[in-house]
């Protein structure tokens, strides 16, 4: 099964959401991408439909935006 992808930027809102996601679905079921540390993944996140972080992209391609932390435009700066 394809993993979900959790995109975040490292802010307190993002890290709290990351912990909850990992506890809910398990680390083996989700790839964690910190866009502040891996800026090369920003384009990939945008292509997937991520407009703000934290966001979870499900294996079927649905984007779940979680408790607004930062817009993807802010992450680019």
PDB file of N, CA and C in Angstrom:
ATOM      1  N   UNK A   1       0.837  -1.186   0.000  1.00  0.00           N
ATOM      2  CA  UNK A   1       0.000   0.000   0.000  1.00  0.00           C
ATOM      3  C   UNK A   1       0.881   1.248   0.000  1.00  0.00           C
ATOM      4  N   UNK A   2       0.494   2.224  -0.773  1.00  0.00           N
ATOM      5  CA  UNK A   2       1.186   3.497  -0.832  1.00  0.00           C
ATOM      6  C   UNK A   2       0.999   4.244   0.500  1.00  0.00           C
ATOM      7  N   UNK A   3       2.042   4.934   0.936  1.00  0.00           N
ATOM      8  CA  UNK A   3       1.983   5.695   2.184  1.00  0.00           C
ATOM      9  C   UNK A   3       1.308   7.045   1.987  1.00  0.00           C
ATOM     10  N   UNK A   4       0.737   7.562   3.067  1.00  0.00           N
ATOM     11  CA  UNK A   4       0.302   8.951   3.113  1.00  0.00           C
ATOM     12  C   UNK A   4       1.555   9.806   3.235  1.00  0.00           C
ATOM     13  N   UNK A   5       1.456  11.073   2.865  1.00  0.00           N
ATOM     14  CA  UNK A   5       2.584  11.998   3.000  1.00  0.00           C
ATOM     15  C   UNK A   5       2.137  13.170   3.859  1.00  0.00           C
ATOM     16  N   UNK A   6       2.888  13.442   4.916  1.00  0.00           N
ATOM     17  CA  UNK A   6       2.594  14.555   5.802  1.00  0.00           C
ATOM     18  C   UNK A   6       3.631  15.641   5.557  1.00  0.00           C
ATOM     19  N   UNK A   7       3.168  16.796   5.079  1.00  0.00           N
ATOM     20  CA  UNK A   7       4.043  17.941   4.829  1.00  0.00           C
ATOM     21  C   UNK A   7       3.896  18.933   5.978  1.00  0.00           C
ATOM     22  N   UNK A   8       5.040  19.451   6.429  1.00  0.00           N
ATOM     23  CA  UNK A   8       4.986  20.483   7.463  1.00  0.00           C
ATOM     24  C   UNK A   8       6.213  21.379   7.360  1.00  0.00           C
ATOM     25  N   UNK A   9       6.222  22.436   8.184  1.00  0.00           N
ATOM     26  CA  UNK A   9       7.320  23.400   8.131  1.00  0.00           C
ATOM     27  C   UNK A   9       8.039  23.542   9.466  1.00  0.00           C
ATOM     28  N   UNK A  10       7.717  22.697  10.422  1.00  0.00           N
ATOM     29  CA  UNK A  10       8.444  22.699  11.679  1.00  0.00           C
ATOM     30  C   UNK A  10       7.913  23.601  12.776  1.00  0.00           C
ATOM     31  N   UNK A  11       6.845  24.336  12.510  1.00  0.00           N
ATOM     32  CA  UNK A  11       6.288  25.220  13.538  1.00  0.00           C
ATOM     33  C   UNK A  11       5.602  24.374  14.623  1.00  0.00           C
ATOM     34  N   UNK A  12       5.280  24.966  15.767  1.00  0.00           N
ATOM     35  CA  UNK A  12       4.625  24.207  16.829  1.00  0.00           C
ATOM     36  C   UNK A  12       3.315  23.541  16.391  1.00  0.00           C
ATOM     37  N   UNK A  13       2.515  24.225  15.581  1.00  0.00           N
ATOM     38  CA  UNK A  13       1.269  23.636  15.068  1.00  0.00           C
ATOM     39  C   UNK A  13       1.598  22.390  14.250  1.00  0.00           C
ATOM     40  N   UNK A  14       2.628  22.497  13.404  1.00  0.00           N
ATOM     41  CA  UNK A  14       3.021  21.384  12.539  1.00  0.00           C
ATOM     42  C   UNK A  14       3.547  20.193  13.329  1.00  0.00           C
ATOM     43  N   UNK A  15       4.415  20.445  14.290  1.00  0.00           N
ATOM     44  CA  UNK A  15       4.990  19.332  15.042  1.00  0.00           C
ATOM     45  C   UNK A  15       3.941  18.642  15.911  1.00  0.00           C
ATOM     46  N   UNK A  16       3.007  19.408  16.435  1.00  0.00           N
ATOM     47  CA  UNK A  16       1.915  18.811  17.198  1.00  0.00           C
ATOM     48  C   UNK A  16       1.060  17.924  16.297  1.00  0.00           C
ATOM     49  N   UNK A  17       0.733  18.421  15.106  1.00  0.00           N
ATOM     50  CA  UNK A  17      -0.050  17.633  14.154  1.00  0.00           C
ATOM     51  C   UNK A  17       0.719  16.388  13.713  1.00  0.00           C
ATOM     52  N   UNK A  18       2.031  16.523  13.515  1.00  0.00           N
ATOM     53  CA  UNK A  18       2.851  15.366  13.133  1.00  0.00           C
ATOM     54  C   UNK A  18       2.750  14.265  14.188  1.00  0.00           C
ATOM     55  N   UNK A  19       2.886  14.640  15.452  1.00  0.00           N
ATOM     56  CA  UNK A  19       2.788  13.658  16.529  1.00  0.00           C
ATOM     57  C   UNK A  19       1.433  12.962  16.522  1.00  0.00           C
ATOM     58  N   UNK A  20       0.370  13.732  16.324  1.00  0.00           N
ATOM     59  CA  UNK A  20      -0.970  13.148  16.302  1.00  0.00           C
ATOM     60  C   UNK A  20      -1.150  12.204  15.112  1.00  0.00           C
ATOM     61  N   UNK A  21      -0.677  12.605  13.949  1.00  0.00           N
ATOM     62  CA  UNK A  21      -0.786  11.762  12.750  1.00  0.00           C
ATOM     63  C   UNK A  21      -0.040  10.454  12.951  1.00  0.00           C
ATOM     64  N   UNK A  22       1.177  10.530  13.450  1.00  0.00           N
ATOM     65  CA  UNK A  22       1.973   9.321  13.677  1.00  0.00           C
ATOM     66  C   UNK A  22       1.273   8.412  14.690  1.00  0.00           C
ATOM     67  N   UNK A  23       0.726   8.998  15.750  1.00  0.00           N
ATOM     68  CA  UNK A  23       0.018   8.193  16.748  1.00  0.00           C
ATOM     69  C   UNK A  23      -1.254   7.567  16.182  1.00  0.00           C
ATOM     70  N   UNK A  24      -1.919   8.258  15.270  1.00  0.00           N
ATOM     71  CA  UNK A  24      -3.170   7.753  14.702  1.00  0.00           C
ATOM     72  C   UNK A  24      -2.962   6.668  13.656  1.00  0.00           C
ATOM     73  N   UNK A  25      -2.019   6.894  12.738  1.00  0.00           N
ATOM     74  CA  UNK A  25      -1.903   5.948  11.619  1.00  0.00           C
ATOM     75  C   UNK A  25      -0.600   5.158  11.609  1.00  0.00           C
ATOM     76  N   UNK A  26       0.332   5.521  12.472  1.00  0.00           N
ATOM     77  CA  UNK A  26       1.593   4.781  12.571  1.00  0.00           C
ATOM     78  C   UNK A  26       2.649   5.303  11.624  1.00  0.00           C
ATOM     79  N   UNK A  27       3.871   5.375  12.112  1.00  0.00           N
ATOM     80  CA  UNK A  27       4.995   5.900  11.340  1.00  0.00           C
ATOM     81  C   UNK A  27       5.249   5.086  10.072  1.00  0.00           C
ATOM     82  N   UNK A  28       4.932   3.801  10.110  1.00  0.00           N
ATOM     83  CA  UNK A  28       5.144   2.945   8.943  1.00  0.00           C
ATOM     84  C   UNK A  28       4.176   3.257   7.803  1.00  0.00           C
ATOM     85  N   UNK A  29       3.132   4.035   8.093  1.00  0.00           N
ATOM     86  CA  UNK A  29       2.112   4.341   7.089  1.00  0.00           C
ATOM     87  C   UNK A  29       2.172   5.768   6.552  1.00  0.00           C
ATOM     88  N   UNK A  30       3.156   6.536   7.008  1.00  0.00           N
ATOM     89  CA  UNK A  30       3.231   7.933   6.596  1.00  0.00           C
ATOM     90  C   UNK A  30       4.687   8.351   6.367  1.00  0.00           C
ATOM     91  N   UNK A  31       4.895   9.095   5.294  1.00  0.00           N
ATOM     92  CA  UNK A  31       6.198   9.713   5.030  1.00  0.00           C
ATOM     93  C   UNK A  31       6.115  11.143   5.537  1.00  0.00           C
ATOM     94  N   UNK A  32       7.061  11.545   6.345  1.00  0.00           N
ATOM     95  CA  UNK A  32       7.096  12.891   6.918  1.00  0.00           C
ATOM     96  C   UNK A  32       8.058  13.740   6.103  1.00  0.00           C
ATOM     97  N   UNK A  33       7.564  14.873   5.598  1.00  0.00           N
ATOM     98  CA  UNK A  33       8.426  15.781   4.840  1.00  0.00           C
ATOM     99  C   UNK A  33       8.381  17.166   5.486  1.00  0.00           C
ATOM    100  N   UNK A  34       9.519  17.601   5.975  1.00  0.00           N
ATOM    101  CA  UNK A  34       9.688  18.921   6.594  1.00  0.00           C
ATOM    102  C   UNK A  34      10.140  19.863   5.479  1.00  0.00           C
ATOM    103  N   UNK A  35       9.241  20.697   5.003  1.00  0.00           N
ATOM    104  CA  UNK A  35       9.545  21.575   3.872  1.00  0.00           C
ATOM    105  C   UNK A  35      10.576  22.648   4.210  1.00  0.00           C
ATOM    106  N   UNK A  36      10.722  22.971   5.476  1.00  0.00           N
ATOM    107  CA  UNK A  36      11.753  23.925   5.875  1.00  0.00           C
ATOM    108  C   UNK A  36      13.153  23.333   5.736  1.00  0.00           C
ATOM    109  N   UNK A  37      13.252  22.025   5.937  1.00  0.00           N
ATOM    110  CA  UNK A  37      14.547  21.343   5.818  1.00  0.00           C
ATOM    111  C   UNK A  37      14.793  20.808   4.417  1.00  0.00           C
ATOM    112  N   UNK A  38      13.744  20.484   3.694  1.00  0.00           N
ATOM    113  CA  UNK A  38      13.877  19.922   2.338  1.00  0.00           C
ATOM    114  C   UNK A  38      13.043  20.752   1.367  1.00  0.00           C
ATOM    115  N   UNK A  39      13.574  21.905   1.025  1.00  0.00           N
ATOM    116  CA  UNK A  39      12.851  22.856   0.178  1.00  0.00           C
ATOM    117  C   UNK A  39      12.633  22.322  -1.240  1.00  0.00           C
ATOM    118  N   UNK A  40      13.377  21.300  -1.625  1.00  0.00           N
ATOM    119  CA  UNK A  40      13.196  20.713  -2.958  1.00  0.00           C
ATOM    120  C   UNK A  40      11.838  20.025  -3.083  1.00  0.00           C
ATOM    121  N   UNK A  41      11.178  19.761  -1.969  1.00  0.00           N
ATOM    122  CA  UNK A  41       9.884  19.076  -1.978  1.00  0.00           C
ATOM    123  C   UNK A  41       8.696  20.041  -2.062  1.00  0.00           C
ATOM    124  N   UNK A  42       8.952  21.346  -2.045  1.00  0.00           N
ATOM    125  CA  UNK A  42       7.858  22.324  -2.090  1.00  0.00           C
ATOM    126  C   UNK A  42       7.065  22.189  -3.382  1.00  0.00           C
ATOM    127  N   UNK A  43       7.742  22.074  -4.506  1.00  0.00           N
ATOM    128  CA  UNK A  43       7.049  21.934  -5.792  1.00  0.00           C
ATOM    129  C   UNK A  43       6.183  20.665  -5.794  1.00  0.00           C
ATOM    130  N   UNK A  44       6.710  19.570  -5.254  1.00  0.00           N
ATOM    131  CA  UNK A  44       5.967  18.315  -5.157  1.00  0.00           C
ATOM    132  C   UNK A  44       4.694  18.509  -4.321  1.00  0.00           C
ATOM    133  N   UNK A  45       4.828  19.221  -3.190  1.00  0.00           N
ATOM    134  CA  UNK A  45       3.681  19.485  -2.324  1.00  0.00           C
ATOM    135  C   UNK A  45       2.627  20.313  -3.066  1.00  0.00           C
ATOM    136  N   UNK A  46       3.066  21.343  -3.756  1.00  0.00           N
ATOM    137  CA  UNK A  46       2.136  22.176  -4.523  1.00  0.00           C
ATOM    138  C   UNK A  46       1.429  21.353  -5.595  1.00  0.00           C
ATOM    139  N   UNK A  47       2.179  20.520  -6.291  1.00  0.00           N
ATOM    140  CA  UNK A  47       1.608  19.677  -7.345  1.00  0.00           C
ATOM    141  C   UNK A  47       0.545  18.728  -6.774  1.00  0.00           C
ATOM    142  N   UNK A  48       0.749  18.289  -5.547  1.00  0.00           N
ATOM    143  CA  UNK A  48      -0.216  17.403  -4.889  1.00  0.00           C
ATOM    144  C   UNK A  48      -1.462  18.146  -4.432  1.00  0.00           C
ATOM    145  N   UNK A  49      -1.392  19.495  -4.404  1.00  0.00           N
ATOM    146  CA  UNK A  49      -2.545  20.291  -3.996  1.00  0.00           C
ATOM    147  C   UNK A  49      -2.428  20.919  -2.621  1.00  0.00           C
ATOM    148  N   UNK A  50      -1.249  20.825  -2.010  1.00  0.00           N
ATOM    149  CA  UNK A  50      -1.040  21.411  -0.684  1.00  0.00           C
ATOM    150  C   UNK A  50      -1.017  22.932  -0.817  1.00  0.00           C
ATOM    151  N   UNK A  51      -1.883  23.590  -0.050  1.00  0.00           N
ATOM    152  CA  UNK A  51      -1.960  25.050  -0.058  1.00  0.00           C
ATOM    153  C   UNK A  51      -1.452  25.661   1.237  1.00  0.00           C
ATOM    154  N   UNK A  52      -1.423  24.853   2.289  1.00  0.00           N
ATOM    155  CA  UNK A  52      -0.906  25.301   3.576  1.00  0.00           C
ATOM    156  C   UNK A  52      -0.400  24.074   4.332  1.00  0.00           C
ATOM    157  N   UNK A  53       0.447  24.334   5.313  1.00  0.00           N
ATOM    158  CA  UNK A  53       0.943  23.247   6.152  1.00  0.00           C
ATOM    159  C   UNK A  53       0.522  23.516   7.591  1.00  0.00           C
ATOM    160  N   UNK A  54       0.308  22.479   8.350  1.00  0.00           N
ATOM    161  CA  UNK A  54       0.491  21.071   8.046  1.00  0.00           C
ATOM    162  C   UNK A  54      -0.612  20.528   7.142  1.00  0.00           C
ATOM    163  N   UNK A  55      -0.239  19.552   6.332  1.00  0.00           N
ATOM    164  CA  UNK A  55      -1.201  18.912   5.439  1.00  0.00           C
ATOM    165  C   UNK A  55      -0.830  17.441   5.259  1.00  0.00           C
ATOM    166  N   UNK A  56      -1.859  16.632   5.140  1.00  0.00           N
ATOM    167  CA  UNK A  56      -1.671  15.208   4.909  1.00  0.00           C
ATOM    168  C   UNK A  56      -2.244  14.872   3.540  1.00  0.00           C
ATOM    169  N   UNK A  57      -1.419  14.268   2.687  1.00  0.00           N
ATOM    170  CA  UNK A  57      -1.883  13.796   1.384  1.00  0.00           C
ATOM    171  C   UNK A  57      -2.105  12.296   1.538  1.00  0.00           C
ATOM    172  N   UNK A  58      -3.347  11.883   1.327  1.00  0.00           N
ATOM    173  CA  UNK A  58      -3.693  10.473   1.510  1.00  0.00           C
ATOM    174  C   UNK A  58      -3.172   9.643   0.339  1.00  0.00           C
ATOM    175  N   UNK A  59      -3.115   8.333   0.500  1.00  0.00           N
ATOM    176  CA  UNK A  59      -2.658   7.475  -0.597  1.00  0.00           C
ATOM    177  C   UNK A  59      -3.507   7.611  -1.867  1.00  0.00           C
ATOM    178  N   UNK A  60      -4.754   8.051  -1.730  1.00  0.00           N
ATOM    179  CA  UNK A  60      -5.610   8.241  -2.904  1.00  0.00           C
ATOM    180  C   UNK A  60      -5.473   9.634  -3.509  1.00  0.00           C
ATOM    181  N   UNK A  61      -4.641  10.494  -2.894  1.00  0.00           N
ATOM    182  CA  UNK A  61      -4.389  11.819  -3.447  1.00  0.00           C
ATOM    183  C   UNK A  61      -5.212  12.942  -2.843  1.00  0.00           C
ATOM    184  N   UNK A  62      -6.071  12.635  -1.880  1.00  0.00           N
ATOM    185  CA  UNK A  62      -6.816  13.695  -1.202  1.00  0.00           C
ATOM    186  C   UNK A  62      -5.886  14.480  -0.296  1.00  0.00           C
ATOM    187  N   UNK A  63      -6.063  15.797  -0.246  1.00  0.00           N
ATOM    188  CA  UNK A  63      -5.236  16.648   0.612  1.00  0.00           C
ATOM    189  C   UNK A  63      -6.076  17.092   1.801  1.00  0.00           C
ATOM    190  N   UNK A  64      -5.594  16.770   2.977  1.00  0.00           N
ATOM    191  CA  UNK A  64      -6.266  17.163   4.212  1.00  0.00           C
ATOM    192  C   UNK A  64      -5.435  18.256   4.868  1.00  0.00           C
ATOM    193  N   UNK A  65      -5.936  19.492   4.805  1.00  0.00           N
ATOM    194  CA  UNK A  65      -5.234  20.609   5.432  1.00  0.00           C
ATOM    195  C   UNK A  65      -5.618  20.619   6.907  1.00  0.00           C
ATOM    196  N   UNK A  66      -4.615  20.638   7.760  1.00  0.00           N
ATOM    197  CA  UNK A  66      -4.815  20.469   9.196  1.00  0.00           C
ATOM    198  C   UNK A  66      -4.450  21.754   9.925  1.00  0.00           C
ATOM    199  N   UNK A  67      -5.388  22.325  10.652  1.00  0.00           N
ATOM    200  CA  UNK A  67      -5.125  23.441  11.559  1.00  0.00           C
ATOM    201  C   UNK A  67      -4.055  24.387  11.013  1.00  0.00           C
ATOM    202  N   UNK A  68      -4.434  25.311  10.182  1.00  0.00           N
ATOM    203  CA  UNK A  68      -3.538  26.219   9.462  1.00  0.00           C
ATOM    204  C   UNK A  68      -2.339  26.661  10.292  1.00  0.00           C
ATOM    205  N   UNK A  69      -1.140  26.364   9.764  1.00  0.00           N
ATOM    206  CA  UNK A  69       0.110  26.797  10.386  1.00  0.00           C
ATOM    207  C   UNK A  69       0.795  27.849   9.544  1.00  0.00           C
ATOM    208  N   UNK A  70       0.906  27.617   8.213  1.00  0.00           N
ATOM    209  CA  UNK A  70       1.532  28.553   7.289  1.00  0.00           C
ATOM    210  C   UNK A  70       1.089  28.227   5.874  1.00  0.00           C
ATOM    211  N   UNK A  71       0.947  29.269   5.073  1.00  0.00           N
ATOM    212  CA  UNK A  71       0.615  29.035   3.668  1.00  0.00           C
ATOM    213  C   UNK A  71       1.852  28.497   2.941  1.00  0.00           C
ATOM    214  N   UNK A  72       1.629  27.816   1.845  1.00  0.00           N
ATOM    215  CA  UNK A  72       2.753  27.301   1.073  1.00  0.00           C
ATOM    216  C   UNK A  72       3.612  28.450   0.543  1.00  0.00           C
ATOM    217  N   UNK A  73       2.987  29.598   0.296  1.00  0.00           N
ATOM    218  CA  UNK A  73       3.734  30.797  -0.141  1.00  0.00           C
ATOM    219  C   UNK A  73       4.697  31.266   0.949  1.00  0.00           C
ATOM    220  N   UNK A  74       4.247  31.195   2.201  1.00  0.00           N
ATOM    221  CA  UNK A  74       5.126  31.591   3.320  1.00  0.00           C
ATOM    222  C   UNK A  74       6.306  30.628   3.449  1.00  0.00           C
ATOM    223  N   UNK A  75       6.063  29.359   3.171  1.00  0.00           N
ATOM    224  CA  UNK A  75       7.124  28.351   3.280  1.00  0.00           C
ATOM    225  C   UNK A  75       8.192  28.597   2.218  1.00  0.00           C
ATOM    226  N   UNK A  76       7.796  29.118   1.067  1.00  0.00           N
ATOM    227  CA  UNK A  76       8.742  29.380  -0.027  1.00  0.00           C
ATOM    228  C   UNK A  76       9.747  30.466   0.320  1.00  0.00           C
ATOM    229  N   UNK A  77       9.388  31.371   1.209  1.00  0.00           N
ATOM    230  CA  UNK A  77      10.236  32.540   1.526  1.00  0.00           C
ATOM    231  C   UNK A  77      11.467  32.154   2.289  1.00  0.00           C
TER     232      UNK A  77
END
